[in-house]
Amino acid sequence: MPICGGWTDIRLFDPEMKKICSELRPEIEKTVGTDFKIFIPVVWSSQVVAGTNYMFKVLVDVDGDGECVHALIFQALPCYGGGLSVTDIQRHKSVDDPLIPLEHLQK
């Protein structure tokens, strides 16, 4: 069981998480400023806050380079509509780069 406010272990995508990731593809592409040739969810982690943060690693293809993006997604609590939004994107990641939320990289 995760510690409240802590991140879960890295997990493979299941149908529910793939649906969330695919739903946000247009917003992720808009944030990055390009349309991806491929968009394959790889792994994810979550953090319970006043809602839920999700960190997704997605294999994309911008220029034939097999780049990954790490997308931080926030899902509001149901009492606030349960909406999803992209809050941060880390670009130029390889498939081997660890999935680390940005706030941990800045410490």
PDB file of N, CA and C in Angstrom:
ATOM      1  N   MET A   1       0.849  -1.189   0.000  1.00  0.00           N
ATOM      2  CA  MET A   1       0.000   0.000   0.000  1.00  0.00           C
ATOM      3  C   MET A   1       0.890   1.246   0.000  1.00  0.00           C
ATOM      4  N   PRO A   2       0.629   2.194  -0.915  1.00  0.00           N
ATOM      5  CA  PRO A   2       1.463   3.380  -0.979  1.00  0.00           C
ATOM      6  C   PRO A   2       1.240   4.300   0.220  1.00  0.00           C
ATOM      7  N   ILE A   3       2.282   5.051   0.557  1.00  0.00           N
ATOM      8  CA  ILE A   3       2.183   6.057   1.598  1.00  0.00           C
ATOM      9  C   ILE A   3       1.410   7.236   1.016  1.00  0.00           C
ATOM     10  N   CYS A   4       0.492   7.804   1.789  1.00  0.00           N
ATOM     11  CA  CYS A   4      -0.289   8.944   1.313  1.00  0.00           C
ATOM     12  C   CYS A   4       0.673  10.046   0.872  1.00  0.00           C
ATOM     13  N   GLY A   5       0.533  10.505  -0.334  1.00  0.00           N
ATOM     14  CA  GLY A   5       1.411  11.519  -0.894  1.00  0.00           C
ATOM     15  C   GLY A   5       2.636  10.949  -1.593  1.00  0.00           C
ATOM     16  N   GLY A   6       2.902   9.649  -1.388  1.00  0.00           N
ATOM     17  CA  GLY A   6       4.042   9.009  -2.045  1.00  0.00           C
ATOM     18  C   GLY A   6       3.631   8.415  -3.379  1.00  0.00           C
ATOM     19  N   TRP A   7       4.598   8.126  -4.207  1.00  0.00           N
ATOM     20  CA  TRP A   7       4.356   7.540  -5.523  1.00  0.00           C
ATOM     21  C   TRP A   7       4.309   6.023  -5.431  1.00  0.00           C
ATOM     22  N   THR A   8       3.426   5.401  -6.197  1.00  0.00           N
ATOM     23  CA  THR A   8       3.345   3.946  -6.260  1.00  0.00           C
ATOM     24  C   THR A   8       4.543   3.408  -7.023  1.00  0.00           C
ATOM     25  N   ASP A   9       4.722   2.095  -6.958  1.00  0.00           N
ATOM     26  CA  ASP A   9       5.713   1.448  -7.794  1.00  0.00           C
ATOM     27  C   ASP A   9       5.324   1.634  -9.257  1.00  0.00           C
ATOM     28  N   ILE A  10       6.293   1.516 -10.141  1.00  0.00           N
ATOM     29  CA  ILE A  10       6.050   1.609 -11.585  1.00  0.00           C
ATOM     30  C   ILE A  10       5.224   0.402 -12.016  1.00  0.00           C
ATOM     31  N   ARG A  11       4.214   0.652 -12.850  1.00  0.00           N
ATOM     32  CA  ARG A  11       3.307  -0.403 -13.302  1.00  0.00           C
ATOM     33  C   ARG A  11       3.178  -0.388 -14.820  1.00  0.00           C
ATOM     34  N   LEU A  12       2.877  -1.556 -15.379  1.00  0.00           N
ATOM     35  CA  LEU A  12       2.551  -1.628 -16.801  1.00  0.00           C
ATOM     36  C   LEU A  12       1.144  -1.099 -17.008  1.00  0.00           C
ATOM     37  N   PHE A  13       0.863  -0.592 -18.189  1.00  0.00           N
ATOM     38  CA  PHE A  13      -0.449  -0.035 -18.481  1.00  0.00           C
ATOM     39  C   PHE A  13      -1.508  -1.128 -18.526  1.00  0.00           C
ATOM     40  N   ASP A  14      -2.646  -0.830 -17.922  1.00  0.00           N
ATOM     41  CA  ASP A  14      -3.825  -1.674 -18.027  1.00  0.00           C
ATOM     42  C   ASP A  14      -4.836  -0.902 -18.885  1.00  0.00           C
ATOM     43  N   PRO A  15      -5.962  -1.515 -19.263  1.00  0.00           N
ATOM     44  CA  PRO A  15      -6.913  -0.821 -20.147  1.00  0.00           C
ATOM     45  C   PRO A  15      -7.401   0.532 -19.612  1.00  0.00           C
ATOM     46  N   GLU A  16      -7.623   0.636 -18.301  1.00  0.00           N
ATOM     47  CA  GLU A  16      -8.108   1.899 -17.728  1.00  0.00           C
ATOM     48  C   GLU A  16      -7.075   3.015 -17.890  1.00  0.00           C
ATOM     49  N   MET A  17      -5.822   2.713 -17.602  1.00  0.00           N
ATOM     50  CA  MET A  17      -4.768   3.725 -17.712  1.00  0.00           C
ATOM     51  C   MET A  17      -4.474   4.063 -19.176  1.00  0.00           C
ATOM     52  N   LYS A  18      -4.548   3.072 -20.072  1.00  0.00           N
ATOM     53  CA  LYS A  18      -4.375   3.349 -21.502  1.00  0.00           C
ATOM     54  C   LYS A  18      -5.454   4.308 -21.993  1.00  0.00           C
ATOM     55  N   LYS A  19      -6.686   4.125 -21.492  1.00  0.00           N
ATOM     56  CA  LYS A  19      -7.797   4.992 -21.891  1.00  0.00           C
ATOM     57  C   LYS A  19      -7.516   6.444 -21.467  1.00  0.00           C
ATOM     58  N   ILE A  20      -7.064   6.626 -20.214  1.00  0.00           N
ATOM     59  CA  ILE A  20      -6.750   7.969 -19.720  1.00  0.00           C
ATOM     60  C   ILE A  20      -5.630   8.583 -20.569  1.00  0.00           C
ATOM     61  N   CYS A  21      -4.579   7.816 -20.815  1.00  0.00           N
ATOM     62  CA  CYS A  21      -3.441   8.311 -21.585  1.00  0.00           C
ATOM     63  C   CYS A  21      -3.863   8.689 -23.011  1.00  0.00           C
ATOM     64  N   SER A  22      -4.629   7.822 -23.649  1.00  0.00           N
ATOM     65  CA  SER A  22      -5.084   8.095 -25.020  1.00  0.00           C
ATOM     66  C   SER A  22      -6.006   9.304 -25.075  1.00  0.00           C
ATOM     67  N   GLU A  23      -6.851   9.459 -24.067  1.00  0.00           N
ATOM     68  CA  GLU A  23      -7.766  10.601 -23.997  1.00  0.00           C
ATOM     69  C   GLU A  23      -6.986  11.916 -23.945  1.00  0.00           C
ATOM     70  N   LEU A  24      -5.823  11.890 -23.312  1.00  0.00           N
ATOM     71  CA  LEU A  24      -5.030  13.104 -23.156  1.00  0.00           C
ATOM     72  C   LEU A  24      -3.989  13.311 -24.255  1.00  0.00           C
ATOM     73  N   ARG A  25      -3.929  12.384 -25.215  1.00  0.00           N
ATOM     74  CA  ARG A  25      -2.952  12.523 -26.298  1.00  0.00           C
ATOM     75  C   ARG A  25      -3.010  13.891 -26.978  1.00  0.00           C
ATOM     76  N   PRO A  26      -4.191  14.395 -27.369  1.00  0.00           N
ATOM     77  CA  PRO A  26      -4.211  15.711 -28.026  1.00  0.00           C
ATOM     78  C   PRO A  26      -3.631  16.825 -27.155  1.00  0.00           C
ATOM     79  N   GLU A  27      -3.895  16.779 -25.852  1.00  0.00           N
ATOM     80  CA  GLU A  27      -3.361  17.809 -24.954  1.00  0.00           C
ATOM     81  C   GLU A  27      -1.845  17.665 -24.800  1.00  0.00           C
ATOM     82  N   ILE A  28      -1.356  16.417 -24.739  1.00  0.00           N
ATOM     83  CA  ILE A  28       0.085  16.179 -24.654  1.00  0.00           C
ATOM     84  C   ILE A  28       0.764  16.677 -25.938  1.00  0.00           C
ATOM     85  N   GLU A  29       0.189  16.361 -27.095  1.00  0.00           N
ATOM     86  CA  GLU A  29       0.750  16.829 -28.371  1.00  0.00           C
ATOM     87  C   GLU A  29       0.745  18.351 -28.450  1.00  0.00           C
ATOM     88  N   LYS A  30      -0.329  18.970 -27.986  1.00  0.00           N
ATOM     89  CA  LYS A  30      -0.412  20.430 -28.006  1.00  0.00           C
ATOM     90  C   LYS A  30       0.664  21.037 -27.105  1.00  0.00           C
ATOM     91  N   THR A  31       0.872  20.449 -25.922  1.00  0.00           N
ATOM     92  CA  THR A  31       1.886  20.950 -24.990  1.00  0.00           C
ATOM     93  C   THR A  31       3.281  20.827 -25.588  1.00  0.00           C
ATOM     94  N   VAL A  32       3.554  19.701 -26.254  1.00  0.00           N
ATOM     95  CA  VAL A  32       4.862  19.472 -26.873  1.00  0.00           C
ATOM     96  C   VAL A  32       5.000  20.300 -28.153  1.00  0.00           C
ATOM     97  N   GLY A  33       3.892  20.549 -28.819  1.00  0.00           N
ATOM     98  CA  GLY A  33       3.915  21.355 -30.037  1.00  0.00           C
ATOM     99  C   GLY A  33       4.098  20.557 -31.303  1.00  0.00           C
ATOM    100  N   THR A  34       3.723  19.274 -31.291  1.00  0.00           N
ATOM    101  CA  THR A  34       3.846  18.447 -32.486  1.00  0.00           C
ATOM    102  C   THR A  34       2.866  17.282 -32.410  1.00  0.00           C
ATOM    103  N   ASP A  35       2.553  16.722 -33.574  1.00  0.00           N
ATOM    104  CA  ASP A  35       1.760  15.494 -33.616  1.00  0.00           C
ATOM    105  C   ASP A  35       2.727  14.320 -33.638  1.00  0.00           C
ATOM    106  N   PHE A  36       2.463  13.323 -32.808  1.00  0.00           N
ATOM    107  CA  PHE A  36       3.333  12.158 -32.736  1.00  0.00           C
ATOM    108  C   PHE A  36       2.971  11.160 -33.826  1.00  0.00           C
ATOM    109  N   LYS A  37       3.985  10.548 -34.422  1.00  0.00           N
ATOM    110  CA  LYS A  37       3.747   9.507 -35.422  1.00  0.00           C
ATOM    111  C   LYS A  37       3.282   8.222 -34.749  1.00  0.00           C
ATOM    112  N   ILE A  38       3.822   7.951 -33.553  1.00  0.00           N
ATOM    113  CA  ILE A  38       3.350   6.824 -32.748  1.00  0.00           C
ATOM    114  C   ILE A  38       3.100   7.332 -31.333  1.00  0.00           C
ATOM    115  N   PHE A  39       2.313   6.604 -30.582  1.00  0.00           N
ATOM    116  CA  PHE A  39       1.964   6.992 -29.210  1.00  0.00           C
ATOM    117  C   PHE A  39       1.651   5.703 -28.465  1.00  0.00           C
ATOM    118  N   ILE A  40       2.673   5.150 -27.803  1.00  0.00           N
ATOM    119  CA  ILE A  40       2.529   3.855 -27.137  1.00  0.00           C
ATOM    120  C   ILE A  40       2.817   4.015 -25.649  1.00  0.00           C
ATOM    121  N   PRO A  41       1.784   3.929 -24.802  1.00  0.00           N
ATOM    122  CA  PRO A  41       2.002   3.993 -23.355  1.00  0.00           C
ATOM    123  C   PRO A  41       2.880   2.822 -22.901  1.00  0.00           C
ATOM    124  N   VAL A  42       3.859   3.106 -22.037  1.00  0.00           N
ATOM    125  CA  VAL A  42       4.813   2.092 -21.602  1.00  0.00           C
ATOM    126  C   VAL A  42       4.582   1.713 -20.144  1.00  0.00           C
ATOM    127  N   VAL A  43       4.794   2.659 -19.221  1.00  0.00           N
ATOM    128  CA  VAL A  43       4.605   2.412 -17.784  1.00  0.00           C
ATOM    129  C   VAL A  43       4.021   3.659 -17.132  1.00  0.00           C
ATOM    130  N   TRP A  44       3.549   3.481 -15.888  1.00  0.00           N
ATOM    131  CA  TRP A  44       2.957   4.601 -15.165  1.00  0.00           C
ATOM    132  C   TRP A  44       3.128   4.406 -13.670  1.00  0.00           C
ATOM    133  N   SER A  45       2.915   5.500 -12.949  1.00  0.00           N
ATOM    134  CA  SER A  45       2.926   5.517 -11.494  1.00  0.00           C
ATOM    135  C   SER A  45       1.876   6.543 -11.068  1.00  0.00           C
ATOM    136  N   SER A  46       1.417   6.458  -9.812  1.00  0.00           N
ATOM    137  CA  SER A  46       0.419   7.427  -9.347  1.00  0.00           C
ATOM    138  C   SER A  46       0.740   7.894  -7.936  1.00  0.00           C
ATOM    139  N   GLN A  47       0.139   9.023  -7.592  1.00  0.00           N
ATOM    140  CA  GLN A  47       0.324   9.650  -6.289  1.00  0.00           C
ATOM    141  C   GLN A  47      -1.026  10.209  -5.859  1.00  0.00           C
ATOM    142  N   VAL A  48      -1.489   9.808  -4.677  1.00  0.00           N
ATOM    143  CA  VAL A  48      -2.742  10.332  -4.150  1.00  0.00           C
ATOM    144  C   VAL A  48      -2.456  11.641  -3.430  1.00  0.00           C
ATOM    145  N   VAL A  49      -3.125  12.687  -3.888  1.00  0.00           N
ATOM    146  CA  VAL A  49      -3.042  14.023  -3.282  1.00  0.00           C
ATOM    147  C   VAL A  49      -4.491  14.457  -3.093  1.00  0.00           C
ATOM    148  N   ALA A  50      -4.809  15.721  -3.247  1.00  0.00           N
ATOM    149  CA  ALA A  50      -6.215  16.149  -3.252  1.00  0.00           C
ATOM    150  C   ALA A  50      -6.730  15.904  -4.666  1.00  0.00           C
ATOM    151  N   GLY A  51      -6.769  14.641  -5.025  1.00  0.00           N
ATOM    152  CA  GLY A  51      -7.011  14.136  -6.369  1.00  0.00           C
ATOM    153  C   GLY A  51      -5.937  13.085  -6.602  1.00  0.00           C
ATOM    154  N   THR A  52      -5.593  12.832  -7.855  1.00  0.00           N
ATOM    155  CA  THR A  52      -4.540  11.858  -8.160  1.00  0.00           C
ATOM    156  C   THR A  52      -3.622  12.408  -9.234  1.00  0.00           C
ATOM    157  N   ASN A  53      -2.321  12.318  -8.983  1.00  0.00           N
ATOM    158  CA  ASN A  53      -1.319  12.597 -10.006  1.00  0.00           C
ATOM    159  C   ASN A  53      -0.932  11.276 -10.650  1.00  0.00           C
ATOM    160  N   TYR A  54      -0.832  11.285 -11.960  1.00  0.00           N
ATOM    161  CA  TYR A  54      -0.334  10.133 -12.709  1.00  0.00           C
ATOM    162  C   TYR A  54       0.909  10.577 -13.459  1.00  0.00           C
ATOM    163  N   MET A  55       1.910   9.721 -13.500  1.00  0.00           N
ATOM    164  CA  MET A  55       3.102   9.966 -14.295  1.00  0.00           C
ATOM    165  C   MET A  55       3.161   8.857 -15.333  1.00  0.00           C
ATOM    166  N   PHE A  56       3.062   9.223 -16.609  1.00  0.00           N
ATOM    167  CA  PHE A  56       3.042   8.262 -17.705  1.00  0.00           C
ATOM    168  C   PHE A  56       4.326   8.364 -18.521  1.00  0.00           C
ATOM    169  N   LYS A  57       4.901   7.221 -18.867  1.00  0.00           N
ATOM    170  CA  LYS A  57       5.986   7.175 -19.854  1.00  0.00           C
ATOM    171  C   LYS A  57       5.358   6.689 -21.146  1.00  0.00           C
ATOM    172  N   VAL A  58       5.509   7.492 -22.207  1.00  0.00           N
ATOM    173  CA  VAL A  58       4.892   7.181 -23.483  1.00  0.00           C
ATOM    174  C   VAL A  58       5.960   7.220 -24.573  1.00  0.00           C
ATOM    175  N   LEU A  59       6.051   6.140 -25.337  1.00  0.00           N
ATOM    176  CA  LEU A  59       6.946   6.097 -26.492  1.00  0.00           C
ATOM    177  C   LEU A  59       6.269   6.846 -27.628  1.00  0.00           C
ATOM    178  N   VAL A  60       6.950   7.862 -28.116  1.00  0.00           N
ATOM    179  CA  VAL A  60       6.423   8.669 -29.225  1.00  0.00           C
ATOM    180  C   VAL A  60       7.482   8.694 -30.319  1.00  0.00           C
ATOM    181  N   ASP A  61       7.111   9.136 -31.470  1.00  0.00           N
ATOM    182  CA  ASP A  61       8.062   9.260 -32.554  1.00  0.00           C
ATOM    183  C   ASP A  61       7.874  10.634 -33.156  1.00  0.00           C
ATOM    184  N   VAL A  62       8.836  11.498 -32.931  1.00  0.00           N
ATOM    185  CA  VAL A  62       8.754  12.852 -33.456  1.00  0.00           C
ATOM    186  C   VAL A  62       9.506  12.937 -34.778  1.00  0.00           C
ATOM    187  N   ASP A  63      10.762  12.507 -34.782  1.00  0.00           N
ATOM    188  CA  ASP A  63      11.603  12.582 -35.985  1.00  0.00           C
ATOM    189  C   ASP A  63      12.270  11.248 -36.280  1.00  0.00           C
ATOM    190  N   GLY A  64      11.565  10.149 -36.025  1.00  0.00           N
ATOM    191  CA  GLY A  64      12.144   8.839 -36.255  1.00  0.00           C
ATOM    192  C   GLY A  64      13.165   8.441 -35.204  1.00  0.00           C
ATOM    193  N   ASP A  65      13.118   9.117 -34.042  1.00  0.00           N
ATOM    194  CA  ASP A  65      14.148   8.896 -33.028  1.00  0.00           C
ATOM    195  C   ASP A  65      13.709   7.993 -31.871  1.00  0.00           C
ATOM    196  N   GLY A  66      12.449   7.581 -31.827  1.00  0.00           N
ATOM    197  CA  GLY A  66      11.990   6.706 -30.760  1.00  0.00           C
ATOM    198  C   GLY A  66      12.025   7.361 -29.396  1.00  0.00           C
ATOM    199  N   GLU A  67      11.786   8.632 -29.347  1.00  0.00           N
ATOM    200  CA  GLU A  67      11.798   9.402 -28.101  1.00  0.00           C
ATOM    201  C   GLU A  67      10.630   9.010 -27.200  1.00  0.00           C
ATOM    202  N   CYS A  68      10.829   9.151 -25.901  1.00  0.00           N
ATOM    203  CA  CYS A  68       9.742   9.015 -24.936  1.00  0.00           C
ATOM    204  C   CYS A  68       9.450  10.376 -24.327  1.00  0.00           C
ATOM    205  N   VAL A  69       8.221  10.567 -23.918  1.00  0.00           N
ATOM    206  CA  VAL A  69       7.858  11.707 -23.086  1.00  0.00           C
ATOM    207  C   VAL A  69       7.346  11.156 -21.768  1.00  0.00           C
ATOM    208  N   HIS A  70       7.579  11.922 -20.714  1.00  0.00           N
ATOM    209  CA  HIS A  70       7.015  11.619 -19.407  1.00  0.00           C
ATOM    210  C   HIS A  70       5.981  12.699 -19.150  1.00  0.00           C
ATOM    211  N   ALA A  71       4.732  12.279 -18.992  1.00  0.00           N
ATOM    212  CA  ALA A  71       3.636  13.229 -18.822  1.00  0.00           C
ATOM    213  C   ALA A  71       3.079  13.134 -17.404  1.00  0.00           C
ATOM    214  N   LEU A  72       3.003  14.275 -16.729  1.00  0.00           N
ATOM    215  CA  LEU A  72       2.382  14.347 -15.414  1.00  0.00           C
ATOM    216  C   LEU A  72       0.943  14.798 -15.621  1.00  0.00           C
ATOM    217  N   ILE A  73       0.018  13.961 -15.180  1.00  0.00           N
ATOM    218  CA  ILE A  73      -1.416  14.184 -15.372  1.00  0.00           C
ATOM    219  C   ILE A  73      -2.066  14.336 -14.003  1.00  0.00           C
ATOM    220  N   PHE A  74      -2.956  15.291 -13.860  1.00  0.00           N
ATOM    221  CA  PHE A  74      -3.710  15.443 -12.620  1.00  0.00           C
ATOM    222  C   PHE A  74      -5.167  15.099 -12.874  1.00  0.00           C
ATOM    223  N   GLN A  75      -5.741  14.286 -11.981  1.00  0.00           N
ATOM    224  CA  GLN A  75      -7.170  13.989 -12.025  1.00  0.00           C
ATOM    225  C   GLN A  75      -7.801  14.528 -10.746  1.00  0.00           C
ATOM    226  N   ALA A  76      -8.736  15.459 -10.922  1.00  0.00           N
ATOM    227  CA  ALA A  76      -9.428  16.062  -9.785  1.00  0.00           C
ATOM    228  C   ALA A  76     -10.311  15.035  -9.091  1.00  0.00           C
ATOM    229  N   LEU A  77     -10.628  15.306  -7.848  1.00  0.00           N
ATOM    230  CA  LEU A  77     -11.553  14.455  -7.109  1.00  0.00           C
ATOM    231  C   LEU A  77     -12.926  14.485  -7.774  1.00  0.00           C
ATOM    232  N   PRO A  78     -13.703  13.404  -7.639  1.00  0.00           N
ATOM    233  CA  PRO A  78     -15.044  13.377  -8.240  1.00  0.00           C
ATOM    234  C   PRO A  78     -15.926  14.551  -7.803  1.00  0.00           C
ATOM    235  N   CYS A  79     -15.787  14.996  -6.554  1.00  0.00           N
ATOM    236  CA  CYS A  79     -16.609  16.124  -6.092  1.00  0.00           C
ATOM    237  C   CYS A  79     -16.261  17.426  -6.811  1.00  0.00           C
ATOM    238  N   TYR A  80     -15.112  17.464  -7.490  1.00  0.00           N
ATOM    239  CA  TYR A  80     -14.706  18.613  -8.295  1.00  0.00           C
ATOM    240  C   TYR A  80     -14.778  18.316  -9.788  1.00  0.00           C
ATOM    241  N   GLY A  81     -15.521  17.281 -10.139  1.00  0.00           N
ATOM    242  CA  GLY A  81     -15.755  16.955 -11.538  1.00  0.00           C
ATOM    243  C   GLY A  81     -14.871  15.846 -12.092  1.00  0.00           C
ATOM    244  N   GLY A  82     -13.806  15.472 -11.392  1.00  0.00           N
ATOM    245  CA  GLY A  82     -12.960  14.367 -11.838  1.00  0.00           C
ATOM    246  C   GLY A  82     -12.192  14.627 -13.118  1.00  0.00           C
ATOM    247  N   GLY A  83     -12.084  15.898 -13.510  1.00  0.00           N
ATOM    248  CA  GLY A  83     -11.415  16.228 -14.771  1.00  0.00           C
ATOM    249  C   GLY A  83      -9.943  15.875 -14.796  1.00  0.00           C
ATOM    250  N   LEU A  84      -9.429  15.658 -16.005  1.00  0.00           N
ATOM    251  CA  LEU A  84      -8.029  15.321 -16.239  1.00  0.00           C
ATOM    252  C   LEU A  84      -7.323  16.481 -16.924  1.00  0.00           C
ATOM    253  N   SER A  85      -6.076  16.742 -16.523  1.00  0.00           N
ATOM    254  CA  SER A  85      -5.304  17.781 -17.200  1.00  0.00           C
ATOM    255  C   SER A  85      -3.824  17.428 -17.171  1.00  0.00           C
ATOM    256  N   VAL A  86      -3.120  17.854 -18.208  1.00  0.00           N
ATOM    257  CA  VAL A  86      -1.673  17.674 -18.287  1.00  0.00           C
ATOM    258  C   VAL A  86      -1.044  18.824 -17.513  1.00  0.00           C
ATOM    259  N   THR A  87      -0.210  18.494 -16.520  1.00  0.00           N
ATOM    260  CA  THR A  87       0.409  19.545 -15.710  1.00  0.00           C
ATOM    261  C   THR A  87       1.900  19.715 -15.978  1.00  0.00           C
ATOM    262  N   ASP A  88       2.546  18.709 -16.573  1.00  0.00           N
ATOM    263  CA  ASP A  88       3.965  18.828 -16.893  1.00  0.00           C
ATOM    264  C   ASP A  88       4.337  17.771 -17.931  1.00  0.00           C
ATOM    265  N   ILE A  89       5.306  18.103 -18.766  1.00  0.00           N
ATOM    266  CA  ILE A  89       5.836  17.177 -19.764  1.00  0.00           C
ATOM    267  C   ILE A  89       7.353  17.219 -19.677  1.00  0.00           C
ATOM    268  N   GLN A  90       7.973  16.044 -19.627  1.00  0.00           N
ATOM    269  CA  GLN A  90       9.425  15.928 -19.744  1.00  0.00           C
ATOM    270  C   GLN A  90       9.696  15.298 -21.110  1.00  0.00           C
ATOM    271  N   ARG A  91      10.495  15.977 -21.926  1.00  0.00           N
ATOM    272  CA  ARG A  91      10.780  15.504 -23.292  1.00  0.00           C
ATOM    273  C   ARG A  91      12.175  14.934 -23.403  1.00  0.00           C
ATOM    274  N   HIS A  92      12.428  14.376 -24.581  1.00  0.00           N
ATOM    275  CA  HIS A  92      13.752  13.864 -24.941  1.00  0.00           C
ATOM    276  C   HIS A  92      14.221  12.789 -23.964  1.00  0.00           C
ATOM    277  N   LYS A  93      13.322  11.921 -23.585  1.00  0.00           N
ATOM    278  CA  LYS A  93      13.635  10.801 -22.709  1.00  0.00           C
ATOM    279  C   LYS A  93      13.808   9.554 -23.571  1.00  0.00           C
ATOM    280  N   SER A  94      14.635   8.632 -23.089  1.00  0.00           N
ATOM    281  CA  SER A  94      14.753   7.347 -23.774  1.00  0.00           C
ATOM    282  C   SER A  94      13.854   6.352 -23.052  1.00  0.00           C
ATOM    283  N   VAL A  95      13.633   5.218 -23.672  1.00  0.00           N
ATOM    284  CA  VAL A  95      12.796   4.197 -23.058  1.00  0.00           C
ATOM    285  C   VAL A  95      13.429   3.687 -21.758  1.00  0.00           C
ATOM    286  N   ASP A  96      14.747   3.834 -21.612  1.00  0.00           N
ATOM    287  CA  ASP A  96      15.457   3.378 -20.419  1.00  0.00           C
ATOM    288  C   ASP A  96      15.493   4.410 -19.288  1.00  0.00           C
ATOM    289  N   ASP A  97      15.144   5.665 -19.574  1.00  0.00           N
ATOM    290  CA  ASP A  97      15.169   6.685 -18.525  1.00  0.00           C
ATOM    291  C   ASP A  97      14.130   6.373 -17.453  1.00  0.00           C
ATOM    292  N   PRO A  98      14.518   6.514 -16.173  1.00  0.00           N
ATOM    293  CA  PRO A  98      13.562   6.226 -15.105  1.00  0.00           C
ATOM    294  C   PRO A  98      12.428   7.247 -15.083  1.00  0.00           C
ATOM    295  N   LEU A  99      11.293   6.797 -14.650  1.00  0.00           N
ATOM    296  CA  LEU A  99      10.106   7.646 -14.537  1.00  0.00           C
ATOM    297  C   LEU A  99      10.182   8.359 -13.191  1.00  0.00           C
ATOM    298  N   ILE A 100      10.660   9.598 -13.207  1.00  0.00           N
ATOM    299  CA  ILE A 100      10.870  10.373 -11.979  1.00  0.00           C
ATOM    300  C   ILE A 100      10.092  11.671 -12.088  1.00  0.00           C
ATOM    301  N   PRO A 101       9.156  11.918 -11.160  1.00  0.00           N
ATOM    302  CA  PRO A 101       8.429  13.197 -11.183  1.00  0.00           C
ATOM    303  C   PRO A 101       9.375  14.374 -11.088  1.00  0.00           C
ATOM    304  N   LEU A 102       9.057  15.467 -11.754  1.00  0.00           N
ATOM    305  CA  LEU A 102       9.917  16.631 -11.856  1.00  0.00           C
ATOM    306  C   LEU A 102      10.342  17.165 -10.501  1.00  0.00           C
ATOM    307  N   GLU A 103       9.455  17.177  -9.510  1.00  0.00           N
ATOM    308  CA  GLU A 103       9.826  17.753  -8.218  1.00  0.00           C
ATOM    309  C   GLU A 103      10.976  16.982  -7.579  1.00  0.00           C
ATOM    310  N   HIS A 104      11.141  15.701  -7.895  1.00  0.00           N
ATOM    311  CA  HIS A 104      12.247  14.921  -7.358  1.00  0.00           C
ATOM    312  C   HIS A 104      13.550  15.224  -8.100  1.00  0.00           C
ATOM    313  N   LEU A 105      13.464  15.647  -9.358  1.00  0.00           N
ATOM    314  CA  LEU A 105      14.654  15.973 -10.131  1.00  0.00           C
ATOM    315  C   LEU A 105      15.235  17.309  -9.688  1.00  0.00           C
ATOM    316  N   GLN A 106      14.408  18.199  -9.136  1.00  0.00           N
ATOM    317  CA  GLN A 106      14.855  19.533  -8.763  1.00  0.00           C
ATOM    318  C   GLN A 106      15.500  19.562  -7.380  1.00  0.00           C
ATOM    319  N   LYS A 107      15.458  18.467  -6.636  1.00  0.00           N
ATOM    320  CA  LYS A 107      16.028  18.458  -5.280  1.00  0.00           C
ATOM    321  C   LYS A 107      17.492  18.150  -5.309  1.00  0.00           C
TER     322      LYS A 107
END
